[in-house]
Every structure is written in C-alpha cells, then in structure tokens.
C-alpha cells in the first residue's frame, strides 16, 4: 500500500492503486481526511500510556520532563500513525469493497 520504509528520510508516499490487485485506495477525493481522526486517537492513546509510564519511572513533578518525553514520542510515532491510521480507516470503513477482476482491464487501459 505504501512506497518505501516507514522510517526513512524520504517523504512518505502511498500508491494510488494496489500493485497486486488494482484496487484504487482513494475511493473518493479527500477520502483519507478522516484518517486524521484515527491518527489523533492513536496519538492520544500513545500519549496517555507514555505519560503514565514516564510518571511510573521518574515520579517527576516537572512539566518539562513530560513535555520533552511526549514530544519525542509523538515525533517517533508520527510515521507509524500516518500509515496505520489509513490502514485502519480502509479496513473499518470499506468492509464491503471487494476486488472485481473486470475492473482490472479498465485500470490497465487507463494506465497505458
């Protein structure tokens, strides 16, 4: 579904169509805007868990410790959240989309 590694210096890019079956990932224009909400949910879960773990290990009362740890965690998990929020969105919001081989010929005609 994606081109390249999750963690690299190149810009993350998603294929327009599946190279295996020809499924068009972006079902309609702006379809993946909803993935921002999924990514937000993933980020909040990660921030809560990492914040609690930071408290358990440091017992610090300084907000700067938490701010630093959480900012680093958010930056580390951003590529992961980008990819998996789109995968989760496709999995749960398009359960009835099935591959139909008759559309593969149309796709090949469009690409050539």
N, C-alpha and C. Protein backbone atom coordinates (compact mmCIF):
# COMPACT_ATOMS: atom_id res chain seq x y z
N UNK A 1 0.82 -1.18 0.00
CA UNK A 1 0.00 0.00 0.00
C UNK A 1 0.87 1.26 0.00
N UNK A 2 2.01 1.20 0.68
CA UNK A 2 2.90 2.35 0.76
C UNK A 2 4.20 2.06 0.02
N UNK A 3 4.84 3.13 -0.42
CA UNK A 3 6.12 3.03 -1.11
C UNK A 3 7.22 3.38 -0.10
N UNK A 4 8.21 2.51 0.03
CA UNK A 4 9.34 2.79 0.92
C UNK A 4 9.10 2.33 2.34
N UNK A 5 10.09 2.62 3.17
CA UNK A 5 10.06 2.24 4.58
C UNK A 5 9.24 3.23 5.40
N UNK A 6 8.82 2.77 6.56
CA UNK A 6 8.09 3.66 7.47
C UNK A 6 9.00 4.75 7.99
N UNK A 7 10.18 4.38 8.39
CA UNK A 7 11.14 5.34 8.93
C UNK A 7 12.28 5.53 7.94
N UNK A 8 12.20 6.60 7.17
CA UNK A 8 13.27 6.95 6.24
C UNK A 8 13.25 8.46 6.06
N UNK A 9 14.25 8.97 5.37
CA UNK A 9 14.32 10.41 5.17
C UNK A 9 13.52 10.86 3.95
N UNK A 10 12.99 9.91 3.21
CA UNK A 10 12.16 10.25 2.06
C UNK A 10 10.73 10.54 2.52
N UNK A 11 10.04 11.33 1.73
CA UNK A 11 8.64 11.64 2.02
C UNK A 11 7.80 10.37 1.90
N UNK A 12 6.88 10.18 2.82
CA UNK A 12 6.02 9.01 2.76
C UNK A 12 5.04 9.17 1.61
N UNK A 13 4.90 8.11 0.84
CA UNK A 13 4.00 8.14 -0.30
C UNK A 13 3.19 6.87 -0.35
N UNK A 14 1.96 7.04 -0.76
CA UNK A 14 1.03 5.92 -0.85
C UNK A 14 0.74 5.64 -2.32
N UNK A 15 0.66 4.37 -2.69
CA UNK A 15 0.30 4.02 -4.06
C UNK A 15 -1.13 4.46 -4.34
N UNK A 16 -1.39 4.85 -5.59
CA UNK A 16 -2.75 5.20 -5.98
C UNK A 16 -3.62 3.95 -6.11
N UNK A 17 -3.03 2.91 -6.66
CA UNK A 17 -3.73 1.64 -6.82
C UNK A 17 -2.84 0.52 -6.29
N UNK A 18 -3.47 -0.56 -5.90
CA UNK A 18 -2.73 -1.72 -5.40
C UNK A 18 -1.97 -2.36 -6.55
N UNK A 19 -0.65 -2.56 -6.40
CA UNK A 19 0.11 -3.17 -7.48
C UNK A 19 -0.24 -4.64 -7.70
N UNK A 20 -0.88 -5.26 -6.72
CA UNK A 20 -1.22 -6.67 -6.83
C UNK A 20 -2.58 -6.89 -7.49
N UNK A 21 -3.61 -6.16 -7.01
CA UNK A 21 -4.97 -6.44 -7.48
C UNK A 21 -5.63 -5.28 -8.23
N UNK A 22 -5.02 -4.10 -8.22
CA UNK A 22 -5.60 -2.98 -8.94
C UNK A 22 -6.65 -2.21 -8.17
N UNK A 23 -6.79 -2.45 -6.89
CA UNK A 23 -7.78 -1.73 -6.08
C UNK A 23 -7.35 -0.28 -5.92
N UNK A 24 -8.26 0.65 -6.20
CA UNK A 24 -7.97 2.07 -6.05
C UNK A 24 -8.19 2.44 -4.58
N UNK A 25 -7.11 2.87 -3.92
CA UNK A 25 -7.17 3.12 -2.48
C UNK A 25 -8.01 4.34 -2.13
N UNK A 26 -7.83 5.43 -2.85
CA UNK A 26 -8.60 6.63 -2.54
C UNK A 26 -9.95 6.52 -3.26
N UNK A 27 -10.94 6.06 -2.54
CA UNK A 27 -12.23 5.74 -3.11
C UNK A 27 -12.91 6.99 -3.67
N UNK A 28 -12.75 8.10 -3.02
CA UNK A 28 -13.29 9.38 -3.48
C UNK A 28 -12.30 10.47 -3.08
N UNK A 29 -12.36 11.63 -3.73
CA UNK A 29 -11.42 12.70 -3.37
C UNK A 29 -11.58 13.10 -1.90
N UNK A 30 -10.46 13.20 -1.22
CA UNK A 30 -10.49 13.58 0.19
C UNK A 30 -10.85 12.46 1.14
N UNK A 31 -10.84 11.22 0.65
CA UNK A 31 -11.26 10.09 1.47
C UNK A 31 -10.41 9.94 2.73
N UNK A 32 -9.13 10.21 2.62
CA UNK A 32 -8.23 9.97 3.75
C UNK A 32 -8.17 11.12 4.74
N UNK A 33 -8.98 12.16 4.56
CA UNK A 33 -9.06 13.20 5.59
C UNK A 33 -9.59 12.62 6.89
N UNK A 34 -10.45 11.64 6.80
CA UNK A 34 -10.98 11.00 8.00
C UNK A 34 -9.90 10.24 8.77
N UNK A 35 -8.81 9.89 8.10
CA UNK A 35 -7.71 9.20 8.77
C UNK A 35 -7.05 10.08 9.82
N UNK A 36 -7.22 11.40 9.70
CA UNK A 36 -6.67 12.30 10.71
C UNK A 36 -7.30 12.04 12.08
N UNK A 37 -8.58 11.72 12.09
CA UNK A 37 -9.26 11.43 13.36
C UNK A 37 -8.74 10.12 13.96
N UNK A 38 -8.50 9.14 13.11
CA UNK A 38 -7.94 7.87 13.58
C UNK A 38 -6.54 8.10 14.11
N UNK A 39 -5.75 8.89 13.40
CA UNK A 39 -4.39 9.20 13.84
C UNK A 39 -4.40 9.95 15.16
N UNK A 40 -5.35 10.85 15.33
CA UNK A 40 -5.48 11.58 16.59
C UNK A 40 -5.78 10.61 17.74
N UNK A 41 -6.67 9.67 17.51
CA UNK A 41 -6.98 8.66 18.53
C UNK A 41 -5.76 7.82 18.88
N UNK A 42 -5.01 7.40 17.87
CA UNK A 42 -3.79 6.64 18.13
C UNK A 42 -2.79 7.48 18.92
N UNK A 43 -2.64 8.73 18.54
CA UNK A 43 -1.68 9.61 19.23
C UNK A 43 -2.08 9.84 20.68
N UNK A 44 -3.36 10.04 20.93
CA UNK A 44 -3.80 10.27 22.31
C UNK A 44 -3.60 9.03 23.18
N UNK A 45 -3.86 7.87 22.62
CA UNK A 45 -3.62 6.63 23.37
C UNK A 45 -2.14 6.48 23.70
N UNK A 46 -1.29 6.79 22.73
CA UNK A 46 0.15 6.70 22.96
C UNK A 46 0.62 7.72 23.99
N UNK A 47 0.09 8.94 23.92
CA UNK A 47 0.49 9.99 24.86
C UNK A 47 0.07 9.61 26.28
N UNK A 48 -1.12 9.07 26.45
CA UNK A 48 -1.58 8.68 27.78
C UNK A 48 -0.71 7.56 28.35
N UNK A 49 -0.46 6.54 27.53
CA UNK A 49 0.35 5.41 28.02
C UNK A 49 1.77 5.86 28.33
N UNK A 50 2.38 6.64 27.45
CA UNK A 50 3.76 7.08 27.67
C UNK A 50 3.83 8.06 28.84
N UNK A 51 2.83 8.91 28.98
CA UNK A 51 2.79 9.82 30.13
C UNK A 51 2.70 9.06 31.45
N UNK A 52 1.86 8.03 31.49
CA UNK A 52 1.76 7.21 32.71
C UNK A 52 3.05 6.44 32.99
N UNK A 53 3.67 5.91 31.93
CA UNK A 53 4.95 5.21 32.12
C UNK A 53 6.05 6.16 32.58
N UNK A 54 6.04 7.37 32.06
CA UNK A 54 7.02 8.37 32.49
C UNK A 54 6.83 8.69 33.96
N UNK A 55 5.59 8.81 34.39
CA UNK A 55 5.33 9.06 35.81
C UNK A 55 5.80 7.90 36.67
N UNK A 56 5.52 6.67 36.22
CA UNK A 56 5.92 5.49 36.99
C UNK A 56 7.44 5.39 37.15
N UNK A 57 8.16 5.74 36.11
CA UNK A 57 9.62 5.60 36.16
C UNK A 57 10.33 6.80 36.78
N UNK A 58 9.78 8.01 36.61
CA UNK A 58 10.51 9.19 37.09
C UNK A 58 9.92 9.80 38.35
N UNK A 59 8.63 9.66 38.55
CA UNK A 59 7.91 10.30 39.68
C UNK A 59 8.17 11.81 39.69
N UNK A 60 8.43 12.37 38.52
CA UNK A 60 8.76 13.78 38.40
C UNK A 60 7.50 14.64 38.46
N UNK A 61 7.64 15.83 39.03
CA UNK A 61 6.55 16.79 39.07
C UNK A 61 6.77 17.92 38.08
N UNK A 62 7.89 17.89 37.38
CA UNK A 62 8.23 18.93 36.42
C UNK A 62 7.47 18.71 35.11
N UNK A 63 6.73 19.69 34.65
CA UNK A 63 6.04 19.53 33.37
C UNK A 63 7.00 19.44 32.19
N UNK A 64 8.23 19.95 32.35
CA UNK A 64 9.20 19.90 31.27
C UNK A 64 9.65 18.48 30.95
N UNK A 65 9.70 17.64 31.96
CA UNK A 65 10.07 16.23 31.73
C UNK A 65 9.00 15.59 30.85
N UNK A 66 7.75 15.78 31.20
CA UNK A 66 6.65 15.18 30.44
C UNK A 66 6.57 15.77 29.04
N UNK A 67 6.73 17.07 28.94
CA UNK A 67 6.67 17.73 27.64
C UNK A 67 7.77 17.20 26.72
N UNK A 68 8.97 17.08 27.24
CA UNK A 68 10.07 16.56 26.43
C UNK A 68 9.86 15.12 25.99
N UNK A 69 9.48 14.27 26.93
CA UNK A 69 9.27 12.86 26.61
C UNK A 69 8.13 12.69 25.61
N UNK A 70 7.04 13.40 25.83
CA UNK A 70 5.88 13.25 24.95
C UNK A 70 6.14 13.82 23.56
N UNK A 71 6.88 14.91 23.47
CA UNK A 71 7.19 15.47 22.14
C UNK A 71 8.07 14.51 21.35
N UNK A 72 9.04 13.91 22.00
CA UNK A 72 9.90 12.92 21.33
C UNK A 72 9.07 11.72 20.89
N UNK A 73 8.18 11.25 21.76
CA UNK A 73 7.34 10.10 21.43
C UNK A 73 6.41 10.40 20.25
N UNK A 74 5.85 11.60 20.23
CA UNK A 74 4.96 11.98 19.12
C UNK A 74 5.73 12.00 17.80
N UNK A 75 6.94 12.54 17.82
CA UNK A 75 7.76 12.57 16.61
C UNK A 75 8.16 11.17 16.15
N UNK A 76 8.46 10.30 17.10
CA UNK A 76 8.84 8.93 16.75
C UNK A 76 7.66 8.16 16.17
N UNK A 77 6.47 8.33 16.74
CA UNK A 77 5.30 7.58 16.30
C UNK A 77 4.56 8.20 15.11
N UNK A 78 4.92 9.38 14.66
CA UNK A 78 4.20 10.05 13.58
C UNK A 78 4.16 9.24 12.28
N UNK A 79 5.27 8.69 11.79
CA UNK A 79 5.19 7.89 10.56
C UNK A 79 4.34 6.63 10.74
N UNK A 80 4.44 6.00 11.90
CA UNK A 80 3.63 4.84 12.21
C UNK A 80 2.14 5.20 12.20
N UNK A 81 1.79 6.31 12.83
CA UNK A 81 0.39 6.74 12.90
C UNK A 81 -0.14 7.10 11.52
N UNK A 82 0.69 7.72 10.70
CA UNK A 82 0.26 8.08 9.34
C UNK A 82 -0.17 6.84 8.57
N UNK A 83 0.67 5.83 8.59
CA UNK A 83 0.36 4.62 7.83
C UNK A 83 -0.80 3.83 8.42
N UNK A 84 -0.75 3.58 9.71
CA UNK A 84 -1.75 2.70 10.30
C UNK A 84 -3.11 3.36 10.47
N UNK A 85 -3.17 4.67 10.52
CA UNK A 85 -4.48 5.32 10.55
C UNK A 85 -5.18 5.14 9.21
N UNK A 86 -4.44 5.16 8.13
CA UNK A 86 -5.04 4.92 6.82
C UNK A 86 -5.45 3.45 6.66
N UNK A 87 -4.63 2.55 7.15
CA UNK A 87 -4.99 1.13 7.09
C UNK A 87 -6.24 0.83 7.91
N UNK A 88 -6.31 1.39 9.10
CA UNK A 88 -7.49 1.19 9.96
C UNK A 88 -8.73 1.77 9.30
N UNK A 89 -8.60 2.96 8.73
CA UNK A 89 -9.73 3.59 8.05
C UNK A 89 -10.22 2.72 6.90
N UNK A 90 -9.32 2.24 6.07
CA UNK A 90 -9.72 1.39 4.96
C UNK A 90 -10.36 0.09 5.44
N UNK A 91 -9.82 -0.47 6.50
CA UNK A 91 -10.34 -1.75 6.99
C UNK A 91 -11.75 -1.61 7.55
N UNK A 92 -11.99 -0.58 8.33
CA UNK A 92 -13.28 -0.47 9.00
C UNK A 92 -14.34 0.29 8.23
N UNK A 93 -13.95 1.20 7.34
CA UNK A 93 -14.96 1.96 6.62
C UNK A 93 -15.25 1.43 5.23
N UNK A 94 -14.49 0.48 4.76
CA UNK A 94 -14.76 -0.10 3.45
C UNK A 94 -14.84 -1.62 3.52
N UNK A 95 -15.66 -2.17 4.42
CA UNK A 95 -15.70 -3.63 4.52
C UNK A 95 -16.39 -4.29 3.34
N UNK A 96 -17.21 -3.56 2.60
CA UNK A 96 -17.96 -4.17 1.51
C UNK A 96 -17.27 -4.01 0.16
N UNK A 97 -16.14 -3.37 0.13
CA UNK A 97 -15.41 -3.22 -1.13
C UNK A 97 -14.69 -4.53 -1.42
N UNK A 98 -15.01 -5.11 -2.55
CA UNK A 98 -14.40 -6.38 -2.94
C UNK A 98 -13.70 -6.19 -4.28
N UNK A 99 -12.72 -6.99 -4.51
CA UNK A 99 -11.99 -6.95 -5.77
C UNK A 99 -12.84 -7.58 -6.86
N UNK A 100 -12.94 -6.89 -7.99
CA UNK A 100 -13.67 -7.39 -9.14
C UNK A 100 -12.71 -7.39 -10.33
N UNK A 101 -12.38 -8.56 -10.88
CA UNK A 101 -11.37 -8.62 -11.95
C UNK A 101 -11.76 -7.86 -13.22
N UNK A 102 -13.04 -7.61 -13.44
CA UNK A 102 -13.43 -6.91 -14.67
C UNK A 102 -12.92 -5.47 -14.69
N UNK A 103 -12.68 -4.90 -13.50
CA UNK A 103 -12.17 -3.53 -13.44
C UNK A 103 -10.66 -3.46 -13.68
N UNK A 104 -9.99 -4.58 -13.59
CA UNK A 104 -8.55 -4.58 -13.82
C UNK A 104 -8.23 -4.21 -15.27
N UNK A 105 -9.06 -4.68 -16.21
CA UNK A 105 -8.85 -4.32 -17.62
C UNK A 105 -9.01 -2.83 -17.83
N UNK A 106 -10.03 -2.22 -17.18
CA UNK A 106 -10.24 -0.79 -17.30
C UNK A 106 -9.05 -0.03 -16.72
N UNK A 107 -8.53 -0.51 -15.61
CA UNK A 107 -7.38 0.13 -14.98
C UNK A 107 -6.16 0.05 -15.90
N UNK A 108 -5.93 -1.09 -16.50
CA UNK A 108 -4.78 -1.24 -17.40
C UNK A 108 -4.90 -0.33 -18.61
N UNK A 109 -6.13 -0.12 -19.10
CA UNK A 109 -6.34 0.79 -20.22
C UNK A 109 -6.06 2.23 -19.81
N UNK A 110 -6.44 2.61 -18.56
CA UNK A 110 -6.20 3.96 -18.08
C UNK A 110 -4.72 4.23 -17.91
N UNK A 111 -3.99 3.22 -17.41
CA UNK A 111 -2.57 3.40 -17.13
C UNK A 111 -1.71 3.40 -18.40
N UNK A 112 -2.21 2.79 -19.46
CA UNK A 112 -1.38 2.74 -20.68
C UNK A 112 -1.73 3.82 -21.67
